[in-house]
Amino acid sequence: MYTFGNGNNNKLLIINLTSVLAGRISGNVFTEIDVRHKTPFMRQLLLLTFLTMLYFSCKKESTPKNNVTGQWIWTINYAGNPAYNSTPQSTGVNEILTFNSNGNYAITQNGITANAGTYHLSNAKSLSGQNVPGIYYTNSRVTDSVAYYTLQYNNDSLFFTYDLIGTVGSGARHYGRQ
């Protein structure tokens, strides 16, 4: 809600931004209030109401509730063209991705730790404005990188893909819960 005052006529014009931002413009979103005869208490009440509405209209990015903790086995890397897809059978690489509840992760390939570091979950906004869960990770090679993911099939399938945020043609990597 924004207010515009005119010193000459002692009136406030209030724009109901909650309705405008929510796309619910079903009538006049402008309200005119005569403030000449308002007591200081009424002005304070109006200000308190405005500040309360402003506070509750803002929301913090939430942490996804998805549980990625555990071990995940790599099954396929989709490259956008079936001729370029890769699997453990076609590459000879057996990969396990482990997310611990203490914020540490590790990638093990053929029994050898290939990568390890820390992670935390957070949401990002897609190009269409949807919340997309992301895993932000840091290790010895990168700092604060992100991988966007989705959990499917009773949270037993983990897909990593940038397609979730609106990038087209980036492929996907699938892991099954162990």
Protein backbone atom coordinates (compact mmCIF):
# COMPACT_ATOMS: atom_id res chain seq x y z
CA MET A 1 0.00 0.00 0.00
CA TYR A 2 1.45 3.38 -0.99
CA THR A 3 0.10 6.78 0.05
CA PHE A 4 0.27 10.06 -1.77
CA GLY A 5 -0.72 13.26 0.02
CA ASN A 6 -1.56 16.65 -1.34
CA GLY A 7 -0.85 19.48 1.05
CA ASN A 8 -3.61 21.64 -0.45
CA ASN A 9 -6.59 19.39 0.15
CA ASN A 10 -5.48 17.33 3.19
CA LYS A 11 -6.39 14.02 1.56
CA LEU A 12 -4.40 10.85 1.19
CA LEU A 13 -4.59 8.64 -1.88
CA ILE A 14 -3.87 5.03 -0.94
CA ILE A 15 -2.99 2.40 -3.54
CA ASN A 16 -3.75 -1.16 -2.51
CA LEU A 17 -0.58 -2.85 -3.82
CA THR A 18 -1.55 -6.21 -2.37
CA SER A 19 -4.41 -6.40 -4.87
CA VAL A 20 -2.30 -5.03 -7.71
CA LEU A 21 0.61 -7.43 -7.15
CA ALA A 22 -1.69 -10.41 -6.74
CA GLY A 23 -3.33 -9.58 -10.05
CA ARG A 24 -6.72 -9.04 -8.43
CA ILE A 25 -7.64 -5.71 -9.91
CA SER A 26 -11.38 -6.09 -9.69
CA GLY A 27 -12.43 -2.55 -9.11
CA ASN A 28 -10.81 0.59 -7.86
CA VAL A 29 -7.45 0.01 -6.19
CA PHE A 30 -7.29 3.64 -5.11
CA THR A 31 -8.85 4.83 -1.86
CA GLU A 32 -9.08 8.47 -0.88
CA ILE A 33 -9.11 9.32 2.82
CA ASP A 34 -9.73 12.77 4.29
CA VAL A 35 -7.15 13.25 7.06
CA ARG A 36 -8.08 16.79 8.16
CA HIS A 37 -10.18 15.63 11.09
CA LYS A 38 -8.11 12.61 12.15
CA THR A 39 -6.76 12.65 15.67
CA PRO A 40 -3.10 11.86 16.37
CA PHE A 41 -4.28 8.46 17.62
CA MET A 42 -6.04 7.78 14.32
CA ARG A 43 -2.95 8.80 12.36
CA GLN A 44 -0.78 6.49 14.49
CA LEU A 45 -3.29 3.68 14.04
CA LEU A 46 -3.25 4.23 10.28
CA LEU A 47 0.57 4.20 10.28
CA LEU A 48 0.68 1.05 12.43
CA THR A 49 -1.79 -0.67 10.12
CA PHE A 50 0.30 0.28 7.09
CA LEU A 51 3.54 -0.96 8.67
CA THR A 52 1.89 -4.22 9.79
CA MET A 53 0.58 -4.87 6.28
CA LEU A 54 3.99 -4.09 4.80
CA TYR A 55 5.72 -6.46 7.23
CA PHE A 56 3.36 -9.38 6.53
CA SER A 57 3.38 -8.83 2.77
CA CYS A 58 7.13 -9.47 2.62
CA LYS A 59 8.19 -13.08 2.81
CA LYS A 60 11.56 -14.64 3.21
CA GLU A 61 12.87 -17.24 0.81
CA SER A 62 12.12 -20.54 2.42
CA THR A 63 14.37 -23.52 2.68
CA PRO A 64 12.95 -26.48 0.77
CA LYS A 65 11.43 -29.22 2.87
CA ASN A 66 12.74 -31.92 0.52
CA ASN A 67 14.91 -34.49 2.21
CA VAL A 68 17.97 -35.31 0.13
CA THR A 69 19.87 -36.80 3.06
CA GLY A 70 21.19 -40.27 2.31
CA GLN A 71 22.97 -42.13 -0.47
CA TRP A 72 22.05 -41.77 -4.11
CA ILE A 73 23.23 -44.02 -6.96
CA TRP A 74 23.79 -42.48 -10.40
CA THR A 75 21.67 -44.18 -13.07
CA ILE A 76 21.71 -42.01 -16.21
CA ASN A 77 22.84 -38.67 -17.59
CA TYR A 78 20.34 -37.33 -20.16
CA ALA A 79 22.09 -35.19 -22.75
CA GLY A 80 19.03 -34.08 -24.73
CA ASN A 81 19.83 -36.61 -27.46
CA PRO A 82 19.54 -40.34 -26.68
CA ALA A 83 22.72 -41.01 -28.67
CA TYR A 84 24.68 -38.96 -26.12
CA ASN A 85 23.08 -40.27 -22.91
CA SER A 86 25.49 -41.98 -20.53
CA THR A 87 24.98 -44.60 -17.83
CA PRO A 88 27.21 -46.52 -15.42
CA GLN A 89 27.12 -49.41 -17.91
CA SER A 90 28.25 -47.25 -20.86
CA THR A 91 30.96 -45.38 -18.91
CA GLY A 92 32.18 -47.98 -16.44
CA VAL A 93 31.70 -45.42 -13.63
CA ASN A 94 29.67 -46.38 -10.58
CA GLU A 95 28.90 -43.17 -8.74
CA ILE A 96 27.36 -42.66 -5.31
CA LEU A 97 26.33 -39.23 -4.08
CA THR A 98 26.00 -38.95 -0.30
CA PHE A 99 24.33 -36.09 1.57
CA ASN A 100 24.86 -36.22 5.33
CA SER A 101 22.51 -34.51 7.79
CA ASN A 102 25.45 -32.44 9.14
CA GLY A 103 25.77 -30.50 5.85
CA ASN A 104 28.61 -32.53 4.31
CA TYR A 105 28.43 -34.32 0.96
CA ALA A 106 30.68 -36.68 -0.99
CA ILE A 107 30.78 -38.07 -4.52
CA THR A 108 32.36 -41.50 -4.75
CA GLN A 109 33.26 -42.98 -8.14
CA ASN A 110 34.24 -46.64 -8.29
CA GLY A 111 34.93 -46.60 -4.56
CA ILE A 112 37.19 -43.52 -4.59
CA THR A 113 36.08 -40.13 -3.25
CA ALA A 114 36.14 -37.84 -6.29
CA ASN A 115 34.67 -34.77 -4.62
CA ALA A 116 33.59 -33.72 -1.13
CA GLY A 117 32.51 -30.56 0.63
CA THR A 118 29.62 -28.85 2.35
CA TYR A 119 26.10 -28.08 1.16
CA HIS A 120 22.87 -26.38 2.17
CA LEU A 121 19.41 -26.33 0.62
CA SER A 122 17.72 -23.18 -0.59
CA ASN A 123 15.12 -22.03 -3.11
CA ALA A 124 15.67 -20.00 -6.25
CA LYS A 125 13.14 -18.40 -8.58
CA SER A 126 12.65 -19.83 -12.04
CA LEU A 127 12.12 -17.59 -15.06
CA SER A 128 8.38 -18.16 -14.59
CA GLY A 129 8.55 -17.10 -10.91
CA GLN A 130 8.20 -20.57 -9.38
CA ASN A 131 10.29 -21.70 -6.40
CA VAL A 132 12.89 -24.23 -7.46
CA PRO A 133 14.90 -26.16 -4.86
CA GLY A 134 18.64 -25.87 -5.13
CA ILE A 135 21.65 -27.41 -3.43
CA TYR A 136 24.34 -24.83 -2.80
CA TYR A 137 27.70 -26.49 -2.38
CA THR A 138 31.32 -25.62 -1.68
CA ASN A 139 34.39 -27.81 -2.05
CA SER A 140 38.10 -27.45 -2.75
CA ARG A 141 37.45 -26.43 -6.37
CA VAL A 142 34.33 -24.23 -6.20
CA THR A 143 32.66 -21.87 -3.75
CA ASP A 144 28.92 -21.37 -3.52
CA SER A 145 27.90 -23.22 -6.67
CA VAL A 146 24.33 -24.37 -7.14
CA ALA A 147 22.64 -27.41 -8.63
CA TYR A 148 18.86 -27.27 -9.16
CA TYR A 149 16.98 -30.46 -8.42
CA THR A 150 13.63 -32.14 -8.14
CA LEU A 151 12.63 -35.18 -6.14
CA GLN A 152 10.11 -37.52 -7.76
CA TYR A 153 8.54 -40.95 -7.32
CA ASN A 154 8.06 -40.93 -3.54
CA ASN A 155 11.30 -38.96 -3.12
CA ASP A 156 13.28 -41.93 -4.44
CA SER A 157 14.42 -40.26 -7.67
CA LEU A 158 16.68 -37.21 -7.62
CA PHE A 159 17.05 -35.25 -10.87
CA PHE A 160 19.56 -32.43 -11.31
CA THR A 161 18.84 -30.09 -14.22
CA TYR A 162 19.04 -26.40 -15.08
CA ASP A 163 15.83 -26.85 -17.11
CA LEU A 164 13.97 -26.33 -13.81
CA ILE A 165 14.85 -22.62 -13.76
CA GLY A 166 14.00 -22.09 -17.41
CA THR A 167 17.25 -22.90 -19.21
CA VAL A 168 16.43 -25.11 -22.18
CA GLY A 169 18.46 -28.04 -23.42
CA SER A 170 20.84 -28.48 -20.52
CA GLY A 171 20.05 -32.16 -19.94
CA ALA A 172 19.55 -33.89 -16.61
CA ARG A 173 21.35 -36.27 -14.28
CA HIS A 174 19.36 -38.89 -12.38
CA TYR A 175 20.16 -40.62 -9.11
CA GLY A 176 18.09 -43.29 -7.36
CA ARG A 177 17.91 -43.46 -3.58
CA GLN A 178 19.89 -46.38 -2.17
